[in-house]
Amino acid sequence: MNIKVFLFRLIGFYSIIMGIFYATVLSYTYRHAALPQILILSIVIISVSWLIIGGLLSFKKYSGVLALTLIITQIIIEFLSGFTIGLFFVPVTVILIISEIGYNLIKSSKLE
């Protein structure tokens, strides 16, 4: 499996798991937090569609854009969660961002 494909799928599945987890935490902790739950679950649906689109495009043309949008959705989910459980997923999000940047730097240095 290609490293880019692996990173893309990892970021996508992680976004989905993180979004569902935060939505359930918000539903149990704060009963009045319906709007953030709806926004988080809609972002999860967008992440699922990006994974399907990325699979259909075979990661050829727009894979960098798709991965960047998945990382942005992770950051949006972190902000929408409202610091419910002490930013539980932030370390892994930072590691995924660093790995994506590192992959792009290695790829660009090989092209030169």
C-alpha atoms as a PDB file:
ATOM      1  CA  MET A   1       0.000   0.000   0.000  1.00  0.00           C
ATOM      2  CA  ASN A   2       1.201   3.445  -0.871  1.00  0.00           C
ATOM      3  CA  ILE A   3       2.131   5.738   2.047  1.00  0.00           C
ATOM      4  CA  LYS A   4      -0.134   8.496   0.719  1.00  0.00           C
ATOM      5  CA  VAL A   5      -3.098   6.125   0.517  1.00  0.00           C
ATOM      6  CA  PHE A   6      -2.409   4.884   4.034  1.00  0.00           C
ATOM      7  CA  LEU A   7      -2.160   8.417   5.456  1.00  0.00           C
ATOM      8  CA  PHE A   8      -5.335   9.475   3.678  1.00  0.00           C
ATOM      9  CA  ARG A   9      -7.325   6.516   4.987  1.00  0.00           C
ATOM     10  CA  LEU A  10      -5.884   6.904   8.480  1.00  0.00           C
ATOM     11  CA  ILE A  11      -6.780  10.597   8.617  1.00  0.00           C
ATOM     12  CA  GLY A  12     -10.265   9.902   7.265  1.00  0.00           C
ATOM     13  CA  PHE A  13     -11.124   7.058   9.619  1.00  0.00           C
ATOM     14  CA  TYR A  14      -9.666   8.974  12.530  1.00  0.00           C
ATOM     15  CA  SER A  15     -11.867  11.971  11.703  1.00  0.00           C
ATOM     16  CA  ILE A  16     -14.935   9.757  11.618  1.00  0.00           C
ATOM     17  CA  ILE A  17     -14.160   8.043  14.930  1.00  0.00           C
ATOM     18  CA  MET A  18     -13.291  11.345  16.583  1.00  0.00           C
ATOM     19  CA  GLY A  19     -16.482  13.003  15.359  1.00  0.00           C
ATOM     20  CA  ILE A  20     -18.748  10.185  16.500  1.00  0.00           C
ATOM     21  CA  PHE A  21     -17.009  10.057  19.875  1.00  0.00           C
ATOM     22  CA  TYR A  22     -17.358  13.788  20.478  1.00  0.00           C
ATOM     23  CA  ALA A  23     -21.002  13.737  19.371  1.00  0.00           C
ATOM     24  CA  THR A  24     -21.815  10.998  21.874  1.00  0.00           C
ATOM     25  CA  VAL A  25     -19.890  12.758  24.641  1.00  0.00           C
ATOM     26  CA  LEU A  26     -21.813  15.949  23.934  1.00  0.00           C
ATOM     27  CA  SER A  27     -25.127  14.086  23.962  1.00  0.00           C
ATOM     28  CA  TYR A  28     -24.442  12.530  27.359  1.00  0.00           C
ATOM     29  CA  THR A  29     -22.709  15.486  28.999  1.00  0.00           C
ATOM     30  CA  TYR A  30     -24.640  18.453  27.686  1.00  0.00           C
ATOM     31  CA  ARG A  31     -28.279  17.815  26.826  1.00  0.00           C
ATOM     32  CA  HIS A  32     -28.684  21.311  25.356  1.00  0.00           C
ATOM     33  CA  ALA A  33     -25.799  20.959  22.878  1.00  0.00           C
ATOM     34  CA  ALA A  34     -27.859  19.889  19.868  1.00  0.00           C
ATOM     35  CA  LEU A  35     -26.341  22.356  17.396  1.00  0.00           C
ATOM     36  CA  PRO A  36     -22.712  21.255  17.913  1.00  0.00           C
ATOM     37  CA  GLN A  37     -23.828  17.627  17.655  1.00  0.00           C
ATOM     38  CA  ILE A  38     -25.552  18.274  14.346  1.00  0.00           C
ATOM     39  CA  LEU A  39     -22.524  20.161  13.018  1.00  0.00           C
ATOM     40  CA  ILE A  40     -20.093  17.452  14.145  1.00  0.00           C
ATOM     41  CA  LEU A  41     -22.180  14.672  12.603  1.00  0.00           C
ATOM     42  CA  SER A  42     -22.500  16.618   9.346  1.00  0.00           C
ATOM     43  CA  ILE A  43     -18.716  16.973   9.271  1.00  0.00           C
ATOM     44  CA  VAL A  44     -18.460  13.205   9.827  1.00  0.00           C
ATOM     45  CA  ILE A  45     -20.725  12.690   6.814  1.00  0.00           C
ATOM     46  CA  ILE A  46     -18.454  14.986   4.797  1.00  0.00           C
ATOM     47  CA  SER A  47     -15.430  12.943   5.924  1.00  0.00           C
ATOM     48  CA  VAL A  48     -17.109   9.725   4.790  1.00  0.00           C
ATOM     49  CA  SER A  49     -17.896  11.271   1.416  1.00  0.00           C
ATOM     50  CA  TRP A  50     -14.286  12.474   1.080  1.00  0.00           C
ATOM     51  CA  LEU A  51     -13.081   8.926   1.751  1.00  0.00           C
ATOM     52  CA  ILE A  52     -15.407   7.578  -0.926  1.00  0.00           C
ATOM     53  CA  ILE A  53     -14.388  10.305  -3.392  1.00  0.00           C
ATOM     54  CA  GLY A  54     -10.707   9.671  -2.621  1.00  0.00           C
ATOM     55  CA  GLY A  55     -11.202   5.976  -3.278  1.00  0.00           C
ATOM     56  CA  LEU A  56     -12.913   6.697  -6.577  1.00  0.00           C
ATOM     57  CA  LEU A  57     -10.172   9.087  -7.664  1.00  0.00           C
ATOM     58  CA  SER A  58      -7.597   6.436  -6.742  1.00  0.00           C
ATOM     59  CA  PHE A  59      -5.559   9.136  -4.974  1.00  0.00           C
ATOM     60  CA  LYS A  60      -4.127  10.353  -8.263  1.00  0.00           C
ATOM     61  CA  LYS A  61      -5.018  13.933  -8.897  1.00  0.00           C
ATOM     62  CA  TYR A  62      -6.501  15.636  -5.847  1.00  0.00           C
ATOM     63  CA  SER A  63      -5.258  13.463  -2.986  1.00  0.00           C
ATOM     64  CA  GLY A  64      -3.358  16.332  -1.333  1.00  0.00           C
ATOM     65  CA  VAL A  65      -6.448  18.528  -1.342  1.00  0.00           C
ATOM     66  CA  LEU A  66      -8.582  15.710   0.058  1.00  0.00           C
ATOM     67  CA  ALA A  67      -6.117  14.980   2.858  1.00  0.00           C
ATOM     68  CA  LEU A  68      -5.854  18.668   3.713  1.00  0.00           C
ATOM     69  CA  THR A  69      -9.636  18.970   3.959  1.00  0.00           C
ATOM     70  CA  LEU A  70      -9.787  15.942   6.234  1.00  0.00           C
ATOM     71  CA  ILE A  71      -7.201  17.537   8.519  1.00  0.00           C
ATOM     72  CA  ILE A  72      -9.212  20.766   8.520  1.00  0.00           C
ATOM     73  CA  THR A  73     -12.335  18.788   9.450  1.00  0.00           C
ATOM     74  CA  GLN A  74     -10.440  17.296  12.375  1.00  0.00           C
ATOM     75  CA  ILE A  75      -9.510  20.749  13.624  1.00  0.00           C
ATOM     76  CA  ILE A  76     -13.109  21.958  13.203  1.00  0.00           C
ATOM     77  CA  ILE A  77     -14.391  18.955  15.167  1.00  0.00           C
ATOM     78  CA  GLU A  78     -11.900  19.745  17.941  1.00  0.00           C
ATOM     79  CA  PHE A  79     -13.213  23.317  18.186  1.00  0.00           C
ATOM     80  CA  LEU A  80     -16.865  22.276  17.978  1.00  0.00           C
ATOM     81  CA  SER A  81     -16.423  19.790  20.786  1.00  0.00           C
ATOM     82  CA  GLY A  82     -15.914  22.734  23.093  1.00  0.00           C
ATOM     83  CA  PHE A  83     -13.082  21.212  25.092  1.00  0.00           C
ATOM     84  CA  THR A  84     -15.454  18.614  26.542  1.00  0.00           C
ATOM     85  CA  ILE A  85     -12.948  16.085  27.782  1.00  0.00           C
ATOM     86  CA  GLY A  86      -9.736  18.052  27.791  1.00  0.00           C
ATOM     87  CA  LEU A  87      -8.826  17.850  24.110  1.00  0.00           C
ATOM     88  CA  PHE A  88      -8.502  14.069  24.156  1.00  0.00           C
ATOM     89  CA  PHE A  89      -7.726  13.703  20.444  1.00  0.00           C
ATOM     90  CA  VAL A  90      -5.372  16.674  19.973  1.00  0.00           C
ATOM     91  CA  PRO A  91      -2.057  14.743  20.259  1.00  0.00           C
ATOM     92  CA  VAL A  92      -3.003  12.325  17.490  1.00  0.00           C
ATOM     93  CA  THR A  93      -4.334  15.168  15.344  1.00  0.00           C
ATOM     94  CA  VAL A  94      -1.003  16.977  15.705  1.00  0.00           C
ATOM     95  CA  ILE A  95       0.902  13.785  14.829  1.00  0.00           C
ATOM     96  CA  LEU A  96      -1.226  13.296  11.700  1.00  0.00           C
ATOM     97  CA  ILE A  97      -0.675  16.910  10.637  1.00  0.00           C
ATOM     98  CA  ILE A  98       3.089  16.559  11.122  1.00  0.00           C
ATOM     99  CA  SER A  99       3.133  13.279   9.191  1.00  0.00           C
ATOM    100  CA  GLU A 100       1.202  14.845   6.304  1.00  0.00           C
ATOM    101  CA  ILE A 101       3.589  17.812   6.203  1.00  0.00           C
ATOM    102  CA  GLY A 102       6.576  15.471   6.428  1.00  0.00           C
ATOM    103  CA  TYR A 103       5.283  13.323   3.595  1.00  0.00           C
ATOM    104  CA  ASN A 104       4.764  16.367   1.383  1.00  0.00           C
ATOM    105  CA  LEU A 105       8.270  17.653   2.172  1.00  0.00           C
ATOM    106  CA  ILE A 106       9.845  14.287   1.372  1.00  0.00           C
ATOM    107  CA  LYS A 107       7.812  14.037  -1.830  1.00  0.00           C
ATOM    108  CA  SER A 108       8.812  17.537  -2.941  1.00  0.00           C
ATOM    109  CA  SER A 109      12.499  16.895  -2.223  1.00  0.00           C
ATOM    110  CA  LYS A 110      12.414  13.746  -4.371  1.00  0.00           C
ATOM    111  CA  LEU A 111      10.943  15.688  -7.279  1.00  0.00           C
ATOM    112  CA  GLU A 112      13.839  18.153  -7.379  1.00  0.00           C
END
